[in-house]
Amino acid sequence: MKRTQHCGELRAAHVGQKAILMGWVHARRDLGGIVFIELRDREGNTQVVFDPQHNKPSWELAQSLRSEFVVAVEGFVRKRPEGTQNLKLPTGEVELLVDHLEILNPSETPPFQLDETGSAQANEELRLQYRYLDLRRPSMTKNLKLRHRVAKAARDYFDTNGFLEVETPILFKSTPEGAREYLVPSRVNPGKFYALPQSPQQFKQMLMVAGVDRYFQIAKCFRDEDLRADRQPEFTQIDVELSFITREDMYALMEGLLATVWLAARGEKIPTPFPRMQFLEAMERFGSDKPDTRFGLELVDFTKEFAQSKFKVFRGAVDSGGVVKAINAKGLASVTQGQIETLTETAKSFGAKGLAFIKVEGGEWKSPIVKFFNDEEKKALTEKLKIEEGDLILFGADKRETVWEVLGRLRLIIAEILKKEGKLKVPEDQWNFLWVIDFPLITYNPESKRHVATHHPFTSPVVEDVPLLDREPTKVRGQHYDIVLNGVELGGGSIRIHQPELQKKIFEQVLQIPPEVAQSRFGYMLQAFRYGAPPHGGIALGFDRLCAILCGTPNIRDVIAFPKTAKAVDLMTNSPSEVEPKQLRDLHIKLDVEDAG
């Protein structure tokens, strides 16, 4: 038999026609001697009927069918009897009356039901161990289809805009300035290693030097880092680089891409251009460089108001060059002691010494710190925070960066509490895109006691800030830009340095990378820039994260066919695994690992 349609394609227009379907038995029911099978493939489900009065041999064989058997059925399409239609299914008006059944392959009983109920009951480790079964679930199939549509829409968009898709190498060289890398030993070069690329950054810049002009790639990248719901050791990004552009050109290009993707994936039009916000404003207002702007709960500054405060904690923070900020968790004065303790521990985990707060209940401000406030300070708090009955005020008083971090984290936790209590509405179908711009080019790392690149050392400084590189490098703004959606960073990029002397200065003078180290790691780039490198810039979007948002799932593992666990393990193939001693000898490697067992 040769399949004539997928299981999700039959409609009323096919009534009376012969059809051959192939797929998996999703469910089986016996009613009055008649066997009903719900047959499933990736396109949907069709009801299949085995009637002993119509074809007894097929009906007899159907008695042996169980969940996940692979079968082929041949028969005629007919309308379902009146009152039995299932209008929730595209195929719900019709059914297939079977003339012939062939069992292509039986199946053992699956370890969990292959529907949404079964997946909810099965833990994720079990689902990942049997990923080939988990992927049969309609919701997972839907996710993979959406991922395909997003990739195709991106490719078509870039092709229309004159880009070339170029594959860059997977075997690269180690660049330990970034995140931890996966190393690959070289058999033919004993003692030397490749590294799997964290991104195609350096190669795509070389393509600009090569005159490719407009490059993109749906690129596989690797980072050996601790994992979270939105991280994997290997991940995919939409990687872009183009020559002779400004930041404005990049904004328009990527807004066009995302508008195209949203229309292809969800059938929704998103308004452009996206608003922009400077890094400093984002941190001051939201305590985050990827703010969720769908709700308020903004940080409000009271540094001036408490500069002469009798409350030693606030006064001390200001005297030492720090800041005093507060947020109003409106309607959360009913917070429990346990919740306050959790918020306090969270604040401490991000660098705070404690958490000062005020509950506004019964017309009173309840807090041991209120007695230190004068009338002017209370008035300022009331007016700037719009304090009302039932509010909870949380304070941060410390170094500016610490207060940003602490209150920024607490803001998100408070929002979740308020949402659960019905006191804050955050629309899930609202898309608040935002460009965050003007990041600091250089950050001082107190642990290593040296300056480091905020993003990477190839970002070009804002032109008017270049003179500051010699005397105040931390005040130099970079031509970097992040695209943020509802508190999630979709991706980031920058206009690159294309002048060899400026790049050399950043490496050696600002970042204090010894000349021989800079030459060893990036010498070919510095050399390439001497041969007429064009001005260029680029960006990379997290493809897995983008697909997860479009699918409405918080976990990128739900949009990756074969993901790994939080411990970077593939439970289906049981990798990573040990290798044969001969393989290690061929690679000139000797293990020095304690016996784990």
Foldseek 3Di string as FASTA:
>chain_A
DDFDDEAQPDDPVQAFHKGKYKAWFQDWDADPLKIWTFGDDQNGTAIEIEDCVQEVVQSVVCVPADGGFIKMFIAGKHADPPPQFDVVGRNRGIHGYTRDMDGPGHDDDDPFRLEPVGVVVDDVLSCLQVLVSVCRRNLLSLLQVLLVLLVVLLVVLLVVVPEDEDDDDQFAADDVLDAAWDWAFDLVDFPGITTGAQDCVVVVLVVLLVVSFKYWYQDWHAHPDQDDLADFRIFTWTWIKGFDDAVVVVQVSVVVSVQSSCCRNPVDGDDDDAAEAEQVVCLQFQLDLFAQPLDHQTKDWCLVVCCPFPQCLQVVLSVVVATKIKTKLAQALVPDPVVQVVLQVLLVVLPAPGKFKWRAAPNDTDGPCVVRDDPSSVVVCCVVRVDDHNMMMIMDRHHSNSRSNSSNVVSVVSQVVCVVVVNDDRDLPDKRKYKHFFAQQWDADPVVRAIAGPPHLFFAWDVVCVVCLVPPSRPTTTQKIFIHISSRTQKIKHWTDLALVVSQCSCCVRRNPPPVRCCVPPVVSSVSSVSPRGGMMIMMGRSLCVSCSSSVHSGSVSSDSQGADSNNASSNVGPPDDDDPVVCVSSVHDDDDDDPD
